[in-house]
């Protein structure tokens, strides 16, 4: 499974652990693991701009969720 194969539905339906490391050669190495270790996703050398875009998306989601959470 690659990073391009995972869907938003899958992210919402399973508990994933994320590990991000600075790559020794370029960018970042991203690891995503679910309950099934065979479906671990590894993406090495991710461009810093792509990681920043993902971080912005996550921050935006968390800000929106924080505003709604008390009413759930």
PDB file of N, CA and C in Angstrom:
ATOM      1  N   UNK A   1       0.853  -1.171   0.000  1.00  0.00           N
ATOM      2  CA  UNK A   1       0.000   0.000   0.000  1.00  0.00           C
ATOM      3  C   UNK A   1       0.903   1.239   0.000  1.00  0.00           C
ATOM      4  N   UNK A   2       0.544   2.208  -0.794  1.00  0.00           N
ATOM      5  CA  UNK A   2       1.320   3.450  -0.843  1.00  0.00           C
ATOM      6  C   UNK A   2       0.470   4.597  -0.290  1.00  0.00           C
ATOM      7  N   UNK A   3       1.091   5.721  -0.080  1.00  0.00           N
ATOM      8  CA  UNK A   3       0.405   6.894   0.461  1.00  0.00           C
ATOM      9  C   UNK A   3      -0.764   7.317  -0.445  1.00  0.00           C
ATOM     10  N   UNK A   4      -0.643   7.080  -1.739  1.00  0.00           N
ATOM     11  CA  UNK A   4      -1.701   7.434  -2.672  1.00  0.00           C
ATOM     12  C   UNK A   4      -2.883   6.493  -2.640  1.00  0.00           C
ATOM     13  N   UNK A   5      -2.733   5.347  -1.983  1.00  0.00           N
ATOM     14  CA  UNK A   5      -3.802   4.360  -1.931  1.00  0.00           C
ATOM     15  C   UNK A   5      -4.762   4.554  -0.769  1.00  0.00           C
ATOM     16  N   UNK A   6      -4.349   5.268   0.257  1.00  0.00           N
ATOM     17  CA  UNK A   6      -5.187   5.409   1.445  1.00  0.00           C
ATOM     18  C   UNK A   6      -6.254   6.474   1.213  1.00  0.00           C
ATOM     19  N   UNK A   7      -7.450   6.186   1.679  1.00  0.00           N
ATOM     20  CA  UNK A   7      -8.560   7.123   1.483  1.00  0.00           C
ATOM     21  C   UNK A   7      -8.907   7.813   2.801  1.00  0.00           C
ATOM     22  N   UNK A   8      -9.617   8.905   2.700  1.00  0.00           N
ATOM     23  CA  UNK A   8     -10.085   9.612   3.880  1.00  0.00           C
ATOM     24  C   UNK A   8     -10.998   8.704   4.704  1.00  0.00           C
ATOM     25  N   UNK A   9     -11.802   7.913   4.028  1.00  0.00           N
ATOM     26  CA  UNK A   9     -12.688   6.969   4.708  1.00  0.00           C
ATOM     27  C   UNK A   9     -11.885   5.970   5.544  1.00  0.00           C
ATOM     28  N   UNK A  10     -10.785   5.490   4.995  1.00  0.00           N
ATOM     29  CA  UNK A  10      -9.934   4.562   5.742  1.00  0.00           C
ATOM     30  C   UNK A  10      -9.291   5.247   6.942  1.00  0.00           C
ATOM     31  N   UNK A  11      -8.867   6.498   6.762  1.00  0.00           N
ATOM     32  CA  UNK A  11      -8.270   7.236   7.873  1.00  0.00           C
ATOM     33  C   UNK A  11      -9.266   7.433   9.013  1.00  0.00           C
ATOM     34  N   UNK A  12     -10.527   7.632   8.684  1.00  0.00           N
ATOM     35  CA  UNK A  12     -11.544   7.851   9.710  1.00  0.00           C
ATOM     36  C   UNK A  12     -11.992   6.542  10.355  1.00  0.00           C
ATOM     37  N   UNK A  13     -11.814   5.431   9.671  1.00  0.00           N
ATOM     38  CA  UNK A  13     -12.355   4.164  10.152  1.00  0.00           C
ATOM     39  C   UNK A  13     -11.387   3.289  10.910  1.00  0.00           C
ATOM     40  N   UNK A  14     -10.151   3.678  11.012  1.00  0.00           N
ATOM     41  CA  UNK A  14      -9.158   2.828  11.674  1.00  0.00           C
ATOM     42  C   UNK A  14      -8.186   3.709  12.452  1.00  0.00           C
ATOM     43  N   UNK A  15      -7.635   3.143  13.493  1.00  0.00           N
ATOM     44  CA  UNK A  15      -6.629   3.875  14.268  1.00  0.00           C
ATOM     45  C   UNK A  15      -5.263   3.691  13.623  1.00  0.00           C
ATOM     46  N   UNK A  16      -4.651   4.797  13.264  1.00  0.00           N
ATOM     47  CA  UNK A  16      -3.323   4.778  12.652  1.00  0.00           C
ATOM     48  C   UNK A  16      -2.329   5.500  13.550  1.00  0.00           C
ATOM     49  N   UNK A  17      -1.119   5.048  13.517  1.00  0.00           N
ATOM     50  CA  UNK A  17      -0.012   5.711  14.185  1.00  0.00           C
ATOM     51  C   UNK A  17       0.842   6.353  13.099  1.00  0.00           C
ATOM     52  N   UNK A  18       1.265   7.577  13.315  1.00  0.00           N
ATOM     53  CA  UNK A  18       2.047   8.302  12.321  1.00  0.00           C
ATOM     54  C   UNK A  18       3.405   8.655  12.911  1.00  0.00           C
ATOM     55  N   UNK A  19       4.431   8.434  12.129  1.00  0.00           N
ATOM     56  CA  UNK A  19       5.780   8.816  12.521  1.00  0.00           C
ATOM     57  C   UNK A  19       6.388   9.598  11.369  1.00  0.00           C
ATOM     58  N   UNK A  20       6.911  10.766  11.673  1.00  0.00           N
ATOM     59  CA  UNK A  20       7.537  11.623  10.673  1.00  0.00           C
ATOM     60  C   UNK A  20       8.972  11.879  11.107  1.00  0.00           C
ATOM     61  N   UNK A  21       9.888  11.637  10.207  1.00  0.00           N
ATOM     62  CA  UNK A  21      11.310  11.866  10.496  1.00  0.00           C
ATOM     63  C   UNK A  21      11.915  12.727   9.402  1.00  0.00           C
ATOM     64  N   UNK A  22      12.883  13.533   9.771  1.00  0.00           N
ATOM     65  CA  UNK A  22      13.644  14.307   8.789  1.00  0.00           C
ATOM     66  C   UNK A  22      14.532  13.326   8.037  1.00  0.00           C
ATOM     67  N   UNK A  23      14.459  13.345   6.730  1.00  0.00           N
ATOM     68  CA  UNK A  23      15.261  12.442   5.910  1.00  0.00           C
ATOM     69  C   UNK A  23      16.717  12.903   5.897  1.00  0.00           C
ATOM     70  N   UNK A  24      17.654  11.966   5.975  1.00  0.00           N
ATOM     71  CA  UNK A  24      19.063  12.366   5.922  1.00  0.00           C
ATOM     72  C   UNK A  24      19.476  12.871   4.537  1.00  0.00           C
ATOM     73  N   UNK A  25      18.688  12.548   3.512  1.00  0.00           N
ATOM     74  CA  UNK A  25      19.049  12.961   2.156  1.00  0.00           C
ATOM     75  C   UNK A  25      18.204  14.116   1.634  1.00  0.00           C
ATOM     76  N   UNK A  26      16.870  14.041   1.825  1.00  0.00           N
ATOM     77  CA  UNK A  26      15.990  15.100   1.325  1.00  0.00           C
ATOM     78  C   UNK A  26      14.623  14.982   1.977  1.00  0.00           C
ATOM     79  N   UNK A  27      14.078  16.089   2.392  1.00  0.00           N
ATOM     80  CA  UNK A  27      12.697  16.138   2.850  1.00  0.00           C
ATOM     81  C   UNK A  27      12.440  15.346   4.119  1.00  0.00           C
ATOM     82  N   UNK A  28      11.325  14.612   4.089  1.00  0.00           N
ATOM     83  CA  UNK A  28      10.868  13.872   5.256  1.00  0.00           C
ATOM     84  C   UNK A  28      10.506  12.448   4.875  1.00  0.00           C
ATOM     85  N   UNK A  29      10.650  11.555   5.846  1.00  0.00           N
ATOM     86  CA  UNK A  29      10.190  10.179   5.699  1.00  0.00           C
ATOM     87  C   UNK A  29       8.941  10.034   6.558  1.00  0.00           C
ATOM     88  N   UNK A  30       7.861   9.544   5.942  1.00  0.00           N
ATOM     89  CA  UNK A  30       6.571   9.418   6.604  1.00  0.00           C
ATOM     90  C   UNK A  30       6.207   7.943   6.704  1.00  0.00           C
ATOM     91  N   UNK A  31       5.835   7.525   7.912  1.00  0.00           N
ATOM     92  CA  UNK A  31       5.419   6.145   8.155  1.00  0.00           C
ATOM     93  C   UNK A  31       4.041   6.173   8.793  1.00  0.00           C
ATOM     94  N   UNK A  32       3.127   5.378   8.248  1.00  0.00           N
ATOM     95  CA  UNK A  32       1.782   5.268   8.779  1.00  0.00           C
ATOM     96  C   UNK A  32       1.504   3.785   8.988  1.00  0.00           C
ATOM     97  N   UNK A  33       1.161   3.432  10.228  1.00  0.00           N
ATOM     98  CA  UNK A  33       0.884   2.036  10.551  1.00  0.00           C
ATOM     99  C   UNK A  33      -0.502   1.914  11.152  1.00  0.00           C
ATOM    100  N   UNK A  34      -1.221   0.896  10.713  1.00  0.00           N
ATOM    101  CA  UNK A  34      -2.519   0.575  11.284  1.00  0.00           C
ATOM    102  C   UNK A  34      -2.393  -0.676  12.135  1.00  0.00           C
ATOM    103  N   UNK A  35      -3.527  -1.281  12.437  1.00  0.00           N
ATOM    104  CA  UNK A  35      -3.515  -2.515  13.221  1.00  0.00           C
ATOM    105  C   UNK A  35      -2.838  -3.653  12.470  1.00  0.00           C
ATOM    106  N   UNK A  36      -2.970  -3.665  11.173  1.00  0.00           N
ATOM    107  CA  UNK A  36      -2.366  -4.706  10.339  1.00  0.00           C
ATOM    108  C   UNK A  36      -1.008  -4.214   9.852  1.00  0.00           C
ATOM    109  N   UNK A  37       0.048  -4.751  10.424  1.00  0.00           N
ATOM    110  CA  UNK A  37       1.398  -4.295  10.095  1.00  0.00           C
ATOM    111  C   UNK A  37       1.730  -4.510   8.617  1.00  0.00           C
ATOM    112  N   UNK A  38       1.048  -5.447   7.964  1.00  0.00           N
ATOM    113  CA  UNK A  38       1.292  -5.693   6.536  1.00  0.00           C
ATOM    114  C   UNK A  38       0.803  -4.530   5.675  1.00  0.00           C
ATOM    115  N   UNK A  39      -0.054  -3.705   6.222  1.00  0.00           N
ATOM    116  CA  UNK A  39      -0.581  -2.568   5.473  1.00  0.00           C
ATOM    117  C   UNK A  39       0.112  -1.262   5.845  1.00  0.00           C
ATOM    118  N   UNK A  40       1.289  -1.348   6.421  1.00  0.00           N
ATOM    119  CA  UNK A  40       2.034  -0.139   6.773  1.00  0.00           C
ATOM    120  C   UNK A  40       2.379   0.629   5.505  1.00  0.00           C
ATOM    121  N   UNK A  41       2.351   1.939   5.625  1.00  0.00           N
ATOM    122  CA  UNK A  41       2.656   2.821   4.503  1.00  0.00           C
ATOM    123  C   UNK A  41       3.957   3.539   4.818  1.00  0.00           C
ATOM    124  N   UNK A  42       4.838   3.532   3.856  1.00  0.00           N
ATOM    125  CA  UNK A  42       6.121   4.204   4.016  1.00  0.00           C
ATOM    126  C   UNK A  42       6.348   5.087   2.793  1.00  0.00           C
ATOM    127  N   UNK A  43       6.621   6.335   3.043  1.00  0.00           N
ATOM    128  CA  UNK A  43       6.897   7.260   1.946  1.00  0.00           C
ATOM    129  C   UNK A  43       8.155   8.041   2.308  1.00  0.00           C
ATOM    130  N   UNK A  44       9.212   7.788   1.571  1.00  0.00           N
ATOM    131  CA  UNK A  44      10.498   8.413   1.881  1.00  0.00           C
ATOM    132  C   UNK A  44      10.760   9.590   0.950  1.00  0.00           C
ATOM    133  N   UNK A  45      11.465  10.585   1.486  1.00  0.00           N
ATOM    134  CA  UNK A  45      11.855  11.737   0.689  1.00  0.00           C
ATOM    135  C   UNK A  45      10.702  12.616   0.265  1.00  0.00           C
ATOM    136  N   UNK A  46       9.697  12.761   1.141  1.00  0.00           N
ATOM    137  CA  UNK A  46       8.543  13.605   0.824  1.00  0.00           C
ATOM    138  C   UNK A  46       8.993  15.069   0.843  1.00  0.00           C
ATOM    139  N   UNK A  47       8.620  15.795  -0.185  1.00  0.00           N
ATOM    140  CA  UNK A  47       9.015  17.197  -0.321  1.00  0.00           C
ATOM    141  C   UNK A  47       8.538  18.007   0.889  1.00  0.00           C
ATOM    142  N   UNK A  48       9.364  18.894   1.408  1.00  0.00           N
ATOM    143  CA  UNK A  48       8.970  19.719   2.554  1.00  0.00           C
ATOM    144  C   UNK A  48       7.680  20.509   2.331  1.00  0.00           C
ATOM    145  N   UNK A  49       7.430  20.975   1.126  1.00  0.00           N
ATOM    146  CA  UNK A  49       6.185  21.709   0.841  1.00  0.00           C
ATOM    147  C   UNK A  49       4.970  20.796   0.979  1.00  0.00           C
ATOM    148  N   UNK A  50       5.113  19.542   0.580  1.00  0.00           N
ATOM    149  CA  UNK A  50       4.008  18.585   0.698  1.00  0.00           C
ATOM    150  C   UNK A  50       3.716  18.299   2.168  1.00  0.00           C
ATOM    151  N   UNK A  51       4.761  18.168   2.974  1.00  0.00           N
ATOM    152  CA  UNK A  51       4.576  17.934   4.407  1.00  0.00           C
ATOM    153  C   UNK A  51       3.919  19.155   5.048  1.00  0.00           C
ATOM    154  N   UNK A  52       4.320  20.340   4.648  1.00  0.00           N
ATOM    155  CA  UNK A  52       3.718  21.561   5.191  1.00  0.00           C
ATOM    156  C   UNK A  52       2.241  21.642   4.814  1.00  0.00           C
ATOM    157  N   UNK A  53       1.904  21.251   3.594  1.00  0.00           N
ATOM    158  CA  UNK A  53       0.494  21.247   3.176  1.00  0.00           C
ATOM    159  C   UNK A  53      -0.316  20.262   4.007  1.00  0.00           C
ATOM    160  N   UNK A  54       0.241  19.087   4.274  1.00  0.00           N
ATOM    161  CA  UNK A  54      -0.439  18.099   5.108  1.00  0.00           C
ATOM    162  C   UNK A  54      -0.614  18.636   6.529  1.00  0.00           C
ATOM    163  N   UNK A  55       0.414  19.267   7.063  1.00  0.00           N
ATOM    164  CA  UNK A  55       0.334  19.840   8.408  1.00  0.00           C
ATOM    165  C   UNK A  55      -0.742  20.932   8.466  1.00  0.00           C
ATOM    166  N   UNK A  56      -0.818  21.774   7.446  1.00  0.00           N
ATOM    167  CA  UNK A  56      -1.850  22.820   7.399  1.00  0.00           C
ATOM    168  C   UNK A  56      -3.243  22.217   7.356  1.00  0.00           C
ATOM    169  N   UNK A  57      -3.415  21.159   6.575  1.00  0.00           N
ATOM    170  CA  UNK A  57      -4.694  20.464   6.498  1.00  0.00           C
ATOM    171  C   UNK A  57      -5.082  19.917   7.874  1.00  0.00           C
ATOM    172  N   UNK A  58      -4.134  19.280   8.541  1.00  0.00           N
ATOM    173  CA  UNK A  58      -4.406  18.706   9.860  1.00  0.00           C
ATOM    174  C   UNK A  58      -4.745  19.789  10.880  1.00  0.00           C
ATOM    175  N   UNK A  59      -4.018  20.888  10.874  1.00  0.00           N
ATOM    176  CA  UNK A  59      -4.316  21.995  11.791  1.00  0.00           C
ATOM    177  C   UNK A  59      -5.706  22.572  11.531  1.00  0.00           C
ATOM    178  N   UNK A  60      -6.056  22.720  10.273  1.00  0.00           N
ATOM    179  CA  UNK A  60      -7.371  23.249   9.910  1.00  0.00           C
ATOM    180  C   UNK A  60      -8.477  22.303  10.373  1.00  0.00           C
ATOM    181  N   UNK A  61      -8.286  21.021  10.167  1.00  0.00           N
ATOM    182  CA  UNK A  61      -9.260  20.029  10.618  1.00  0.00           C
ATOM    183  C   UNK A  61      -9.413  20.093  12.137  1.00  0.00           C
ATOM    184  N   UNK A  62      -8.296  20.113  12.860  1.00  0.00           N
ATOM    185  CA  UNK A  62      -8.349  20.134  14.329  1.00  0.00           C
ATOM    186  C   UNK A  62      -9.014  21.401  14.859  1.00  0.00           C
ATOM    187  N   UNK A  63      -8.766  22.532  14.227  1.00  0.00           N
ATOM    188  CA  UNK A  63      -9.410  23.778  14.648  1.00  0.00           C
ATOM    189  C   UNK A  63     -10.917  23.692  14.447  1.00  0.00           C
ATOM    190  N   UNK A  64     -11.355  23.171  13.318  1.00  0.00           N
ATOM    191  CA  UNK A  64     -12.788  23.020  13.050  1.00  0.00           C
ATOM    192  C   UNK A  64     -13.414  22.027  14.016  1.00  0.00           C
ATOM    193  N   UNK A  65     -12.745  20.925  14.243  1.00  0.00           N
ATOM    194  CA  UNK A  65     -13.253  19.894  15.144  1.00  0.00           C
ATOM    195  C   UNK A  65     -13.357  20.419  16.575  1.00  0.00           C
ATOM    196  N   UNK A  66     -12.380  21.191  17.009  1.00  0.00           N
ATOM    197  CA  UNK A  66     -12.381  21.747  18.362  1.00  0.00           C
ATOM    198  C   UNK A  66     -13.579  22.652  18.591  1.00  0.00           C
ATOM    199  N   UNK A  67     -13.975  23.391  17.569  1.00  0.00           N
ATOM    200  CA  UNK A  67     -15.139  24.267  17.697  1.00  0.00           C
ATOM    201  C   UNK A  67     -16.452  23.482  17.786  1.00  0.00           C
ATOM    202  N   UNK A  68     -16.489  22.297  17.170  1.00  0.00           N
ATOM    203  CA  UNK A  68     -17.720  21.499  17.143  1.00  0.00           C
ATOM    204  C   UNK A  68     -17.796  20.465  18.251  1.00  0.00           C
ATOM    205  N   UNK A  69     -16.670  20.015  18.737  1.00  0.00           N
ATOM    206  CA  UNK A  69     -16.620  18.905  19.673  1.00  0.00           C
ATOM    207  C   UNK A  69     -17.560  19.046  20.882  1.00  0.00           C
ATOM    208  N   UNK A  70     -17.644  20.204  21.544  1.00  0.00           N
ATOM    209  CA  UNK A  70     -18.525  20.294  22.712  1.00  0.00           C
ATOM    210  C   UNK A  70     -19.990  19.995  22.404  1.00  0.00           C
ATOM    211  N   UNK A  71     -20.421  20.190  21.178  1.00  0.00           N
ATOM    212  CA  UNK A  71     -21.830  19.968  20.847  1.00  0.00           C
ATOM    213  C   UNK A  71     -22.121  18.534  20.408  1.00  0.00           C
ATOM    214  N   UNK A  72     -21.110  17.685  20.351  1.00  0.00           N
ATOM    215  CA  UNK A  72     -21.340  16.301  19.922  1.00  0.00           C
ATOM    216  C   UNK A  72     -21.973  15.479  20.997  1.00  0.00           C
TER     217      UNK A  72
END
